[in-house]
């Protein structure tokens, strides 16, 4: 079928809105009419060659929409179901078999290769392949194919243009708190970097009853939003403030948990040094290969834990519906992070995201 999609044809180049052909669903696939999709830095990094995804390609990995048709072998979904399309996993490696699919050992190929697992493409144009299957979805189009295993059925009254953001950034930030930290009410937490992922973590910390909740950033508008979303204290990381000393002052003995989203080595060290004895620092920021960080070894001897987290340690079919419930109930007001754009305005949305003028751009699809 003919669809409208944003196609990347050159590294660091503009997206072009084009008509491409979409394959028919295979036995284990869903045809999804995409209603909305978030834009994440990962999409732009894919376009720009960081993951060696071949071009031309259709990116997008935070899609939500309505199932319009299903393959012959699909049992979990039917036409009319509302779905969020989550990250892929192989189902066979040691991590997948122990329900740690966000750490699937084949995940890079499944996310970034530009094809289905068997090497076929879901898009073509004039008989030539257009790569996609980005995160096995490629949601920068008004229709796409999703594998039954990676799609998540959600309640029909959850706004798709809001809950699409749960597919990656939302579940990453919230999952770091609710699935990994698992704080008790009254535990202290500091979030370094309150963009989309950091604010998702902050909202989850409020849901969990953390106190104090400290937001650290360099943008006053983001710190103001952090206060609105539940931060009890904010720190402007401008270089004039000793952030570690300020967090120790607020908490008394250091934070029980810190969340680091910037991927800046010096900030990561501050997040570690802000911990109390036996505290935990969770790294969410996506640093480039070769980025190194250092810290004093006694910090680990004092029972502290430093660990990275991918996709919030989530099992999407369980966790995303839970987050959707929070959105509908007003406990996770993601609409305060979002700026909406039409698909035709994808290049402006991407530019705004890079400049930081938009926290979370969401594309609405043409129909």
Protein backbone atom coordinates (compact mmCIF):
# COMPACT_ATOMS: atom_id res chain seq x y z
CA UNK A 1 0.00 0.00 0.00
CA UNK A 2 1.03 3.60 -0.55
CA UNK A 3 1.87 5.57 2.60
CA UNK A 4 3.21 9.00 3.45
CA UNK A 5 6.50 8.95 5.36
CA UNK A 6 9.44 11.14 6.33
CA UNK A 7 12.45 9.74 4.49
CA UNK A 8 16.07 10.47 5.44
CA UNK A 9 18.34 10.39 2.38
CA UNK A 10 21.61 11.85 3.66
CA UNK A 11 23.50 12.12 6.92
CA UNK A 12 22.63 15.29 8.82
CA UNK A 13 20.24 16.20 6.00
CA UNK A 14 16.60 17.21 6.09
CA UNK A 15 13.78 14.68 6.12
CA UNK A 16 11.70 14.59 2.95
CA UNK A 17 7.97 13.85 2.98
CA UNK A 18 7.49 11.20 0.32
CA UNK A 19 5.14 8.48 -0.86
CA UNK A 20 6.58 4.99 -0.34
CA UNK A 21 5.20 1.46 -0.60
CA UNK A 22 4.55 -0.51 2.59
CA UNK A 23 4.64 -4.31 2.54
CA UNK A 24 1.61 -6.39 3.54
CA UNK A 25 1.60 -7.79 7.07
CA UNK A 26 3.29 -11.15 7.54
CA UNK A 27 1.75 -13.85 9.73
CA UNK A 28 3.12 -12.28 12.95
CA UNK A 29 2.68 -8.62 12.01
CA UNK A 30 0.13 -5.87 12.50
CA UNK A 31 -0.75 -3.12 10.06
CA UNK A 32 -0.89 -0.03 12.29
CA UNK A 33 -2.32 3.33 11.33
CA UNK A 34 0.07 5.61 13.17
CA UNK A 35 -1.71 8.47 14.88
CA UNK A 36 1.28 10.09 16.58
CA UNK A 37 4.93 9.50 17.30
CA UNK A 38 7.50 11.16 19.48
CA UNK A 39 10.83 12.36 18.13
CA UNK A 40 13.80 11.20 20.18
CA UNK A 41 17.49 12.07 19.81
CA UNK A 42 17.99 8.42 18.88
CA UNK A 43 16.03 9.02 15.67
CA UNK A 44 18.30 11.91 14.73
CA UNK A 45 21.42 9.94 15.65
CA UNK A 46 20.18 7.14 13.40
CA UNK A 47 19.73 9.55 10.51
CA UNK A 48 23.19 10.98 11.13
CA UNK A 49 24.95 7.63 10.93
CA UNK A 50 25.79 6.89 14.56
CA UNK A 51 24.30 3.39 14.29
CA UNK A 52 25.23 2.64 10.66
CA UNK A 53 21.58 2.38 9.61
CA UNK A 54 21.62 2.43 5.80
CA UNK A 55 19.89 5.23 3.88
CA UNK A 56 17.39 6.08 2.52
CA UNK A 57 15.44 5.15 5.62
CA UNK A 58 12.29 5.84 7.60
CA UNK A 59 13.02 6.37 11.29
CA UNK A 60 10.77 6.82 14.34
CA UNK A 61 10.47 4.59 17.39
CA UNK A 62 7.84 6.13 19.67
CA UNK A 63 4.75 5.35 17.67
CA UNK A 64 1.15 4.81 18.76
CA UNK A 65 -1.85 4.06 16.61
CA UNK A 66 -4.76 1.80 15.72
CA UNK A 67 -4.50 -1.72 14.35
CA UNK A 68 -6.14 -1.91 10.92
CA UNK A 69 -5.24 -5.49 9.91
CA UNK A 70 -3.42 -8.49 11.39
CA UNK A 71 -1.41 -11.37 9.99
CA UNK A 72 -2.85 -14.88 9.94
CA UNK A 73 -0.87 -16.01 12.97
CA UNK A 74 -1.68 -13.05 15.22
CA UNK A 75 -3.75 -14.00 18.27
CA UNK A 76 -3.25 -11.11 20.72
CA UNK A 77 -4.59 -8.26 18.58
CA UNK A 78 -7.50 -7.46 16.30
CA UNK A 79 -8.45 -4.58 14.03
CA UNK A 80 -9.47 -1.57 16.08
CA UNK A 81 -7.10 -2.18 18.99
CA UNK A 82 -5.08 0.79 20.19
CA UNK A 83 -1.38 0.08 20.49
CA UNK A 84 1.93 1.58 21.52
CA UNK A 85 4.90 0.13 19.63
CA UNK A 86 7.76 -0.67 22.00
CA UNK A 87 11.38 -1.77 21.60
CA UNK A 88 12.28 -5.13 19.96
CA UNK A 89 13.97 -8.19 21.49
CA UNK A 90 14.97 -11.57 20.11
CA UNK A 91 13.28 -13.80 22.69
CA UNK A 92 16.06 -16.38 22.54
CA UNK A 93 19.20 -15.02 24.20
CA UNK A 94 19.97 -15.57 27.92
CA UNK A 95 18.67 -12.12 28.88
CA UNK A 96 15.41 -12.49 26.98
CA UNK A 97 14.84 -15.93 28.49
CA UNK A 98 15.17 -14.43 32.00
CA UNK A 99 12.75 -11.55 31.30
CA UNK A 100 15.51 -8.94 30.88
CA UNK A 101 14.60 -8.23 27.28
CA UNK A 102 15.67 -4.60 27.40
CA UNK A 103 19.21 -6.04 27.50
CA UNK A 104 18.64 -8.42 24.57
CA UNK A 105 21.99 -9.48 23.13
CA UNK A 106 20.71 -8.97 19.57
CA UNK A 107 19.00 -5.67 20.24
CA UNK A 108 21.36 -3.43 18.27
CA UNK A 109 20.74 -5.33 15.05
CA UNK A 110 17.00 -5.46 15.65
CA UNK A 111 16.83 -1.74 16.38
CA UNK A 112 19.30 -0.27 13.92
CA UNK A 113 19.92 -2.59 10.94
CA UNK A 114 17.12 -1.04 8.87
CA UNK A 115 15.42 -4.35 8.11
CA UNK A 116 13.31 -7.08 9.62
CA UNK A 117 15.27 -9.79 11.42
CA UNK A 118 15.49 -11.78 8.18
CA UNK A 119 17.02 -8.86 6.26
CA UNK A 120 13.92 -7.84 4.29
CA UNK A 121 12.65 -4.26 4.19
CA UNK A 122 9.10 -3.18 4.93
CA UNK A 123 9.34 -0.14 2.60
CA UNK A 124 10.16 0.20 -1.08
CA UNK A 125 10.00 3.00 -3.60
CA UNK A 126 9.93 2.40 -7.37
CA UNK A 127 11.06 -1.16 -6.72
CA UNK A 128 14.10 -0.17 -4.67
CA UNK A 129 14.45 -0.75 -0.91
CA UNK A 130 13.83 2.05 1.55
CA UNK A 131 15.25 0.94 4.87
CA UNK A 132 13.27 1.11 8.05
CA UNK A 133 12.10 -1.33 10.71
CA UNK A 134 13.81 1.15 13.05
CA UNK A 135 13.21 -0.40 16.46
CA UNK A 136 11.09 -2.75 14.30
CA UNK A 137 8.50 -0.03 13.73
CA UNK A 138 9.64 3.08 11.77
CA UNK A 139 6.81 5.28 12.99
CA UNK A 140 7.64 8.40 10.90
CA UNK A 141 4.83 7.46 8.54
CA UNK A 142 1.05 7.37 8.62
CA UNK A 143 1.04 3.55 8.44
CA UNK A 144 3.61 0.95 9.45
CA UNK A 145 4.08 -2.71 10.28
CA UNK A 146 4.71 -3.87 13.83
CA UNK A 147 5.54 -7.33 15.11
CA UNK A 148 2.94 -8.79 17.46
CA UNK A 149 5.62 -9.43 20.10
CA UNK A 150 6.69 -5.79 20.34
CA UNK A 151 3.27 -4.12 20.24
CA UNK A 152 1.45 -3.21 23.45
CA UNK A 153 -2.33 -3.04 23.67
CA UNK A 154 -3.52 0.02 25.61
CA UNK A 155 -6.87 1.30 26.83
CA UNK A 156 -8.87 3.04 24.13
CA UNK A 157 -9.48 6.17 26.21
CA UNK A 158 -5.76 6.92 26.58
CA UNK A 159 -4.86 9.76 24.14
CA UNK A 160 -2.51 8.22 21.57
CA UNK A 161 -0.75 11.54 20.93
CA UNK A 162 0.27 11.60 24.60
CA UNK A 163 1.03 7.98 25.38
CA UNK A 164 3.22 7.53 22.30
CA UNK A 165 5.92 9.20 24.43
CA UNK A 166 5.84 6.21 26.79
CA UNK A 167 7.35 3.92 24.14
CA UNK A 168 10.94 4.98 24.80
CA UNK A 169 11.71 8.10 26.86
CA UNK A 170 8.70 7.78 29.14
CA UNK A 171 9.29 4.20 30.16
CA UNK A 172 13.05 4.78 30.36
CA UNK A 173 12.77 7.56 32.93
CA UNK A 174 9.79 6.22 34.84
CA UNK A 175 11.13 2.67 34.80
CA UNK A 176 14.47 3.75 36.24
CA UNK A 177 12.55 4.90 39.30
CA UNK A 178 9.65 2.44 39.58
CA UNK A 179 11.36 -0.72 38.29
CA UNK A 180 14.98 -0.24 39.34
CA UNK A 181 15.25 2.21 42.24
CA UNK A 182 11.90 1.11 43.74
CA UNK A 183 12.04 3.89 46.35
CA UNK A 184 10.09 3.88 49.57
CA UNK A 185 7.96 6.92 50.41
CA UNK A 186 10.23 9.59 51.85
CA UNK A 187 13.38 8.45 50.02
CA UNK A 188 15.40 11.32 48.59
CA UNK A 189 16.16 11.54 44.88
CA UNK A 190 18.02 13.96 42.62
CA UNK A 191 17.49 14.03 38.85
CA UNK A 192 20.35 15.46 36.80
CA UNK A 193 18.94 16.81 33.54
CA UNK A 194 15.19 17.41 33.30
CA UNK A 195 14.48 16.91 29.64
CA UNK A 196 11.92 14.34 28.56
CA UNK A 197 13.58 11.34 30.23
CA UNK A 198 14.50 13.22 33.40
CA UNK A 199 11.01 14.64 33.81
CA UNK A 200 9.51 11.17 33.34
CA UNK A 201 11.77 10.01 36.18
CA UNK A 202 10.73 13.00 38.28
CA UNK A 203 7.02 12.33 37.78
CA UNK A 204 7.57 8.70 38.73
CA UNK A 205 9.43 9.82 41.86
CA UNK A 206 6.41 11.89 42.84
CA UNK A 207 4.11 8.90 42.25
CA UNK A 208 6.40 6.81 44.48
CA UNK A 209 6.27 9.42 47.26
CA UNK A 210 9.93 10.47 47.19
CA UNK A 211 10.89 13.46 49.33
CA UNK A 212 12.87 15.55 48.68
CA UNK A 213 12.81 15.48 44.88
CA UNK A 214 15.66 17.59 43.52
CA UNK A 215 15.89 18.69 39.87
CA UNK A 216 19.22 19.82 38.41
CA UNK A 217 19.46 21.55 35.01
CA UNK A 218 20.87 24.62 33.26
CA UNK A 219 17.56 25.87 31.83
CA UNK A 220 15.31 27.91 34.10
CA UNK A 221 12.19 27.07 32.09
CA UNK A 222 12.82 23.35 32.60
CA UNK A 223 13.46 23.83 36.30
CA UNK A 224 10.19 25.75 36.57
CA UNK A 225 8.38 22.89 34.86
CA UNK A 226 10.12 20.42 37.18
CA UNK A 227 8.68 22.30 40.15
CA UNK A 228 5.24 22.15 38.57
CA UNK A 229 5.60 18.40 38.11
CA UNK A 230 6.70 17.65 41.67
CA UNK A 231 10.25 18.78 42.37
CA UNK A 232 10.59 20.08 45.92
CA UNK A 233 13.94 21.73 45.16
CA UNK A 234 15.67 22.90 41.98
CA UNK A 235 19.33 23.67 41.32
CA UNK A 236 20.56 25.66 38.34
CA UNK A 237 23.78 23.99 37.24
CA UNK A 238 25.45 27.13 35.95
CA UNK A 239 28.91 26.64 37.43
CA UNK A 240 28.29 29.12 40.22
CA UNK A 241 26.70 26.52 42.46
CA UNK A 242 28.43 23.59 44.14
CA UNK A 243 25.76 21.09 43.15
CA UNK A 244 27.07 18.23 45.30
CA UNK A 245 27.30 20.42 48.39
CA UNK A 246 23.80 21.79 47.76
CA UNK A 247 22.30 18.29 47.47
CA UNK A 248 24.04 17.20 50.67
CA UNK A 249 22.68 20.34 52.35
CA UNK A 250 19.13 19.64 51.19
CA UNK A 251 19.16 15.94 52.08
CA UNK A 252 21.38 16.05 55.17
CA UNK A 253 23.50 13.03 54.28
CA UNK A 254 23.22 12.75 50.51
CA UNK A 255 20.52 11.41 48.24
CA UNK A 256 19.28 7.83 48.42
CA UNK A 257 18.96 7.83 44.61
CA UNK A 258 20.32 9.93 41.76
CA UNK A 259 19.32 9.75 38.09
CA UNK A 260 21.82 10.99 35.48
CA UNK A 261 20.47 11.81 32.01
CA UNK A 262 23.03 14.19 30.50
CA UNK A 263 25.77 11.65 29.60
CA UNK A 264 28.32 14.30 30.55
CA UNK A 265 31.16 12.66 32.50
CA UNK A 266 31.61 15.53 34.97
CA UNK A 267 27.88 15.59 35.74
CA UNK A 268 27.86 11.80 36.13
CA UNK A 269 30.57 12.16 38.77
CA UNK A 270 28.50 14.77 40.58
CA UNK A 271 25.53 12.42 40.57
CA UNK A 272 27.68 9.73 42.19
CA UNK A 273 29.20 12.09 44.75
CA UNK A 274 25.72 13.29 45.73
CA UNK A 275 24.80 9.84 47.07
CA UNK A 276 24.50 8.86 50.70
CA UNK A 277 26.13 5.68 51.94
CA UNK A 278 24.48 2.69 50.21
CA UNK A 279 22.80 5.02 47.71
CA UNK A 280 22.28 4.20 44.04
CA UNK A 281 23.15 6.25 40.95
CA UNK A 282 21.34 5.24 37.75
CA UNK A 283 22.85 6.29 34.43
CA UNK A 284 20.29 6.94 31.68
CA UNK A 285 22.26 9.39 29.54
CA UNK A 286 23.39 7.85 26.25
CA UNK A 287 27.11 8.59 25.93
CA UNK A 288 29.08 7.92 22.78
CA UNK A 289 31.52 5.02 22.73
CA UNK A 290 34.85 6.01 24.28
CA UNK A 291 33.36 8.41 26.85
CA UNK A 292 35.09 7.73 30.15
CA UNK A 293 34.19 8.78 33.70
CA UNK A 294 36.09 8.50 36.96
CA UNK A 295 35.18 8.58 40.64
CA UNK A 296 36.83 7.87 43.97
CA UNK A 297 36.94 4.15 44.71
CA UNK A 298 35.92 4.61 48.39
CA UNK A 299 32.51 5.70 47.13
CA UNK A 300 31.83 2.10 46.11
CA UNK A 301 33.38 0.72 49.28
CA UNK A 302 30.75 2.68 51.20
CA UNK A 303 28.01 0.54 49.68
CA UNK A 304 27.05 2.78 46.81
CA UNK A 305 25.78 1.28 43.55
CA UNK A 306 26.37 2.72 40.10
CA UNK A 307 24.50 1.10 37.22
CA UNK A 308 23.15 1.78 33.80
CA UNK A 309 19.57 1.16 32.73
CA UNK A 310 18.09 0.60 29.26
CA UNK A 311 14.39 1.17 28.54
CA UNK A 312 13.62 1.39 32.25
CA UNK A 313 14.20 -2.33 32.84
CA UNK A 314 10.63 -2.67 31.63
CA UNK A 315 8.52 -5.48 30.29
CA UNK A 316 6.55 -3.20 27.95
CA UNK A 317 3.34 -5.25 27.79
CA UNK A 318 3.09 -4.88 31.57
CA UNK A 319 4.66 -1.48 32.23
CA UNK A 320 3.32 0.71 29.42
CA UNK A 321 -0.36 0.01 30.28
CA UNK A 322 0.48 0.91 33.89
CA UNK A 323 1.98 4.22 32.75
CA UNK A 324 -1.02 4.84 30.49
CA UNK A 325 -3.23 4.48 33.56
CA UNK A 326 -1.14 7.16 35.30
CA UNK A 327 -1.52 9.46 32.26
CA UNK A 328 -5.30 9.05 32.16
CA UNK A 329 -5.53 9.59 35.94
CA UNK A 330 -3.51 12.81 35.71
CA UNK A 331 -0.66 11.41 37.79
CA UNK A 332 1.78 11.58 34.88
CA UNK A 333 0.88 14.78 32.99
CA UNK A 334 3.11 14.21 29.97
CA UNK A 335 1.14 16.83 28.03
CA UNK A 336 3.13 19.49 29.89
CA UNK A 337 6.32 18.27 28.16
CA UNK A 338 4.91 17.99 24.65
CA UNK A 339 4.83 20.34 21.68
CA UNK A 340 2.80 19.03 18.74
CA UNK A 341 3.88 19.25 15.09
CA UNK A 342 2.43 17.97 11.85
CA UNK A 343 4.48 15.37 9.98
CA UNK A 344 5.19 17.99 7.30
CA UNK A 345 6.93 20.06 9.98
CA UNK A 346 9.29 17.29 11.08
CA UNK A 347 12.43 19.27 10.27
CA UNK A 348 11.32 22.19 12.44
CA UNK A 349 10.44 19.73 15.22
CA UNK A 350 13.88 18.13 14.98
CA UNK A 351 15.58 21.53 15.03
CA UNK A 352 13.58 22.63 18.07
CA UNK A 353 14.51 19.41 19.87
CA UNK A 354 18.22 19.89 19.17
CA UNK A 355 18.11 23.53 20.33
CA UNK A 356 16.21 22.53 23.46
CA UNK A 357 13.33 24.91 22.83
CA UNK A 358 11.01 21.90 22.79
CA UNK A 359 11.27 19.26 25.49
CA UNK A 360 9.29 16.55 23.72
CA UNK A 361 8.22 16.99 20.10
CA UNK A 362 5.33 14.79 18.96
CA UNK A 363 4.35 14.40 15.32
CA UNK A 364 0.70 14.02 14.38
CA UNK A 365 0.18 12.02 11.22
CA UNK A 366 -1.80 13.03 8.12
CA UNK A 367 -4.90 10.93 7.39
